[in-house]
Amino acid sequence: MPKISPDLLSVLRCPVTGSTLVQEGEELVSTAAGQSGEKLRYAIEDGIPLLLPPELVSAANAAPSDQHDGGPGAVAGTAASGASSAE
């Protein structure tokens, strides 16, 4: 089980409640409850906290791979084209 560094944990916040997070096993758990009354849990994969709100996790997993970063029309490509048109 990868341990998230205390320095990183000190700056991470729950994207839903804004509360601090604590590590419990292979998850980060919010210290404040969400609207459901339960504390929110976020997976840690390969040492990287996945801080997607619960309602977006299934959508992210279902999206075709070309809709993720690096695919056609990715944000990085849009930013580069916007920068060149500003010159």
N, C-alpha and C. Protein backbone atom coordinates (compact mmCIF):
# COMPACT_ATOMS: atom_id res chain seq x y z
N MET A 1 0.84 -1.18 0.00
CA MET A 1 0.00 0.00 0.00
C MET A 1 0.88 1.24 0.00
N PRO A 2 0.77 2.07 -1.04
CA PRO A 2 1.56 3.31 -1.05
C PRO A 2 1.00 4.31 -0.04
N LYS A 3 1.90 4.92 0.68
CA LYS A 3 1.51 5.91 1.68
C LYS A 3 1.67 7.30 1.06
N ILE A 4 0.62 8.09 1.12
CA ILE A 4 0.67 9.47 0.63
C ILE A 4 1.47 10.29 1.64
N SER A 5 2.38 11.12 1.15
CA SER A 5 3.23 11.89 2.05
C SER A 5 2.40 12.89 2.87
N PRO A 6 2.79 13.12 4.10
CA PRO A 6 2.09 14.10 4.93
C PRO A 6 2.07 15.49 4.29
N ASP A 7 3.14 15.87 3.58
CA ASP A 7 3.17 17.18 2.92
C ASP A 7 2.07 17.28 1.86
N LEU A 8 1.89 16.22 1.08
CA LEU A 8 0.84 16.22 0.06
C LEU A 8 -0.53 16.22 0.71
N LEU A 9 -0.72 15.39 1.72
CA LEU A 9 -2.01 15.35 2.41
C LEU A 9 -2.38 16.71 3.01
N SER A 10 -1.39 17.48 3.41
CA SER A 10 -1.68 18.78 4.03
C SER A 10 -2.27 19.79 3.06
N VAL A 11 -2.08 19.57 1.76
CA VAL A 11 -2.63 20.52 0.77
C VAL A 11 -3.83 19.96 0.00
N LEU A 12 -4.02 18.64 0.02
CA LEU A 12 -5.15 18.06 -0.69
C LEU A 12 -6.45 18.33 0.05
N ARG A 13 -7.52 18.54 -0.71
CA ARG A 13 -8.85 18.76 -0.14
C ARG A 13 -9.87 17.93 -0.92
N CYS A 14 -10.93 17.58 -0.24
CA CYS A 14 -12.04 16.87 -0.88
C CYS A 14 -12.66 17.82 -1.90
N PRO A 15 -12.84 17.38 -3.16
CA PRO A 15 -13.40 18.28 -4.17
C PRO A 15 -14.88 18.58 -3.96
N VAL A 16 -15.55 17.82 -3.12
CA VAL A 16 -16.98 18.04 -2.88
C VAL A 16 -17.20 18.90 -1.64
N THR A 17 -16.57 18.54 -0.52
CA THR A 17 -16.82 19.24 0.74
C THR A 17 -15.77 20.30 1.06
N GLY A 18 -14.61 20.21 0.44
CA GLY A 18 -13.52 21.13 0.75
C GLY A 18 -12.77 20.77 2.03
N SER A 19 -13.14 19.65 2.64
CA SER A 19 -12.50 19.24 3.90
C SER A 19 -11.16 18.57 3.63
N THR A 20 -10.37 18.46 4.69
CA THR A 20 -9.10 17.75 4.58
C THR A 20 -9.37 16.27 4.35
N LEU A 21 -8.32 15.56 3.92
CA LEU A 21 -8.42 14.14 3.64
C LEU A 21 -7.46 13.37 4.52
N VAL A 22 -7.84 12.17 4.91
CA VAL A 22 -6.96 11.28 5.66
C VAL A 22 -6.87 9.97 4.89
N GLN A 23 -5.72 9.31 5.00
CA GLN A 23 -5.55 8.04 4.30
C GLN A 23 -6.03 6.91 5.18
N GLU A 24 -6.87 6.05 4.60
CA GLU A 24 -7.33 4.82 5.24
C GLU A 24 -7.09 3.70 4.24
N GLY A 25 -6.04 2.94 4.46
CA GLY A 25 -5.71 1.87 3.52
C GLY A 25 -5.32 2.44 2.17
N GLU A 26 -6.02 1.99 1.13
CA GLU A 26 -5.72 2.46 -0.22
C GLU A 26 -6.74 3.49 -0.70
N GLU A 27 -7.27 4.27 0.25
CA GLU A 27 -8.23 5.32 -0.07
C GLU A 27 -7.91 6.57 0.74
N LEU A 28 -8.35 7.70 0.21
CA LEU A 28 -8.37 8.94 0.97
C LEU A 28 -9.82 9.18 1.36
N VAL A 29 -10.04 9.61 2.59
CA VAL A 29 -11.39 9.79 3.10
C VAL A 29 -11.54 11.23 3.58
N SER A 30 -12.66 11.86 3.19
CA SER A 30 -12.91 13.24 3.63
C SER A 30 -13.18 13.26 5.13
N THR A 31 -12.81 14.35 5.76
CA THR A 31 -13.04 14.46 7.21
C THR A 31 -14.42 15.04 7.50
N ALA A 32 -15.13 15.51 6.48
CA ALA A 32 -16.49 16.01 6.63
C ALA A 32 -17.42 15.19 5.74
N ALA A 33 -18.64 15.02 6.18
CA ALA A 33 -19.60 14.24 5.40
C ALA A 33 -20.14 15.06 4.23
N GLY A 34 -20.48 14.36 3.16
CA GLY A 34 -21.10 14.99 2.00
C GLY A 34 -22.59 15.13 2.22
N GLN A 35 -23.32 15.46 1.15
CA GLN A 35 -24.77 15.65 1.26
C GLN A 35 -25.50 14.38 1.68
N SER A 36 -24.93 13.21 1.36
CA SER A 36 -25.56 11.94 1.72
C SER A 36 -25.41 11.63 3.21
N GLY A 37 -24.58 12.41 3.89
CA GLY A 37 -24.34 12.17 5.31
C GLY A 37 -23.15 11.25 5.56
N GLU A 38 -22.55 10.72 4.47
CA GLU A 38 -21.41 9.84 4.61
C GLU A 38 -20.14 10.55 4.17
N LYS A 39 -19.03 10.13 4.74
CA LYS A 39 -17.74 10.67 4.32
C LYS A 39 -17.39 10.11 2.94
N LEU A 40 -16.84 10.96 2.10
CA LEU A 40 -16.51 10.56 0.73
C LEU A 40 -15.17 9.87 0.68
N ARG A 41 -15.05 8.86 -0.19
CA ARG A 41 -13.84 8.05 -0.32
C ARG A 41 -13.30 8.17 -1.74
N TYR A 42 -11.97 8.29 -1.83
CA TYR A 42 -11.30 8.43 -3.12
C TYR A 42 -10.19 7.39 -3.21
N ALA A 43 -10.18 6.65 -4.30
CA ALA A 43 -9.17 5.60 -4.51
C ALA A 43 -7.79 6.21 -4.74
N ILE A 44 -6.78 5.42 -4.43
CA ILE A 44 -5.39 5.76 -4.75
C ILE A 44 -4.91 4.67 -5.70
N GLU A 45 -4.56 5.06 -6.92
CA GLU A 45 -4.08 4.09 -7.91
C GLU A 45 -2.65 4.43 -8.29
N ASP A 46 -1.76 3.47 -8.14
CA ASP A 46 -0.34 3.65 -8.44
C ASP A 46 0.24 4.86 -7.71
N GLY A 47 -0.21 5.07 -6.48
CA GLY A 47 0.30 6.17 -5.67
C GLY A 47 -0.31 7.53 -5.99
N ILE A 48 -1.32 7.56 -6.89
CA ILE A 48 -1.94 8.82 -7.30
C ILE A 48 -3.37 8.87 -6.80
N PRO A 49 -3.72 9.87 -5.98
CA PRO A 49 -5.11 10.00 -5.52
C PRO A 49 -6.02 10.40 -6.69
N LEU A 50 -7.13 9.69 -6.83
CA LEU A 50 -8.10 10.00 -7.88
C LEU A 50 -9.24 10.80 -7.24
N LEU A 51 -9.13 12.11 -7.33
CA LEU A 51 -10.05 12.99 -6.63
C LEU A 51 -11.21 13.43 -7.51
N LEU A 52 -11.88 12.47 -8.12
CA LEU A 52 -13.09 12.76 -8.88
C LEU A 52 -14.30 12.63 -7.97
N PRO A 53 -15.24 13.59 -8.04
CA PRO A 53 -16.47 13.43 -7.26
C PRO A 53 -17.16 12.13 -7.68
N PRO A 54 -17.84 11.46 -6.75
CA PRO A 54 -18.42 10.15 -7.03
C PRO A 54 -19.30 10.10 -8.28
N GLU A 55 -20.05 11.15 -8.56
CA GLU A 55 -20.94 11.13 -9.72
C GLU A 55 -20.18 11.18 -11.04
N LEU A 56 -18.90 11.56 -11.02
CA LEU A 56 -18.11 11.62 -12.25
C LEU A 56 -17.25 10.38 -12.48
N VAL A 57 -17.08 9.54 -11.47
CA VAL A 57 -16.23 8.36 -11.62
C VAL A 57 -16.77 7.42 -12.70
N SER A 58 -18.06 7.11 -12.66
CA SER A 58 -18.62 6.20 -13.65
C SER A 58 -18.57 6.81 -15.05
N ALA A 59 -18.79 8.11 -15.16
CA ALA A 59 -18.72 8.78 -16.46
C ALA A 59 -17.31 8.74 -17.02
N ALA A 60 -16.32 8.94 -16.17
CA ALA A 60 -14.92 8.91 -16.61
C ALA A 60 -14.53 7.52 -17.06
N ASN A 61 -14.99 6.50 -16.36
CA ASN A 61 -14.67 5.13 -16.74
C ASN A 61 -15.38 4.70 -18.02
N ALA A 62 -16.55 5.27 -18.29
CA ALA A 62 -17.33 4.89 -19.47
C ALA A 62 -16.92 5.66 -20.73
N ALA A 63 -16.22 6.78 -20.57
CA ALA A 63 -15.85 7.62 -21.72
C ALA A 63 -14.87 6.90 -22.62
N PRO A 64 -15.08 7.00 -23.95
CA PRO A 64 -14.10 6.41 -24.88
C PRO A 64 -12.72 7.03 -24.64
N SER A 65 -11.67 6.27 -24.94
CA SER A 65 -10.32 6.73 -24.64
C SER A 65 -9.97 8.02 -25.38
N ASP A 66 -10.59 8.31 -26.51
CA ASP A 66 -10.26 9.55 -27.22
C ASP A 66 -10.86 10.78 -26.54
N GLN A 67 -11.67 10.58 -25.51
CA GLN A 67 -12.22 11.72 -24.77
C GLN A 67 -11.41 12.06 -23.53
N HIS A 68 -10.36 11.29 -23.27
CA HIS A 68 -9.47 11.58 -22.15
C HIS A 68 -8.33 12.47 -22.63
N ASP A 69 -7.55 13.02 -21.71
CA ASP A 69 -6.41 13.87 -22.07
C ASP A 69 -5.54 13.20 -23.11
N GLY A 70 -5.08 13.97 -24.07
CA GLY A 70 -4.18 13.46 -25.09
C GLY A 70 -4.90 13.03 -26.35
N GLY A 71 -6.22 12.93 -26.30
CA GLY A 71 -6.98 12.54 -27.49
C GLY A 71 -7.21 13.74 -28.40
N PRO A 72 -7.87 13.53 -29.54
CA PRO A 72 -8.17 14.65 -30.45
C PRO A 72 -8.96 15.73 -29.71
N GLY A 73 -8.58 16.96 -29.90
CA GLY A 73 -9.26 18.09 -29.27
C GLY A 73 -8.95 18.26 -27.80
N ALA A 74 -7.85 17.69 -27.34
CA ALA A 74 -7.48 17.80 -25.93
C ALA A 74 -7.24 19.25 -25.57
N VAL A 75 -7.38 19.57 -24.32
CA VAL A 75 -7.23 20.93 -23.83
C VAL A 75 -5.88 21.53 -24.21
N ALA A 76 -4.82 20.73 -24.14
CA ALA A 76 -3.49 21.23 -24.46
C ALA A 76 -3.44 21.73 -25.89
N GLY A 77 -4.07 21.02 -26.81
CA GLY A 77 -4.10 21.45 -28.21
C GLY A 77 -4.89 22.73 -28.38
N THR A 78 -5.98 22.85 -27.65
CA THR A 78 -6.80 24.05 -27.72
C THR A 78 -6.04 25.26 -27.19
N ALA A 79 -5.34 25.08 -26.09
CA ALA A 79 -4.58 26.18 -25.50
C ALA A 79 -3.48 26.64 -26.45
N ALA A 80 -2.83 25.70 -27.11
CA ALA A 80 -1.76 26.07 -28.03
C ALA A 80 -2.31 26.86 -29.22
N SER A 81 -3.45 26.44 -29.75
CA SER A 81 -4.01 27.16 -30.90
C SER A 81 -4.51 28.53 -30.47
N GLY A 82 -5.03 28.63 -29.21
CA GLY A 82 -5.49 29.93 -28.72
C GLY A 82 -4.32 30.89 -28.53
N ALA A 83 -3.18 30.38 -28.10
CA ALA A 83 -2.01 31.23 -27.86
C ALA A 83 -1.49 31.77 -29.18
N SER A 84 -1.49 30.95 -30.23
CA SER A 84 -0.95 31.42 -31.49
C SER A 84 -1.86 32.45 -32.15
N SER A 85 -3.18 32.36 -31.92
CA SER A 85 -4.07 33.34 -32.52
C SER A 85 -4.03 34.67 -31.79
N ALA A 86 -3.51 34.69 -30.55
CA ALA A 86 -3.42 35.92 -29.79
C ALA A 86 -2.23 36.76 -30.20
N GLU A 87 -1.30 36.18 -30.95
CA GLU A 87 -0.09 36.92 -31.32
C GLU A 87 -0.33 37.85 -32.46
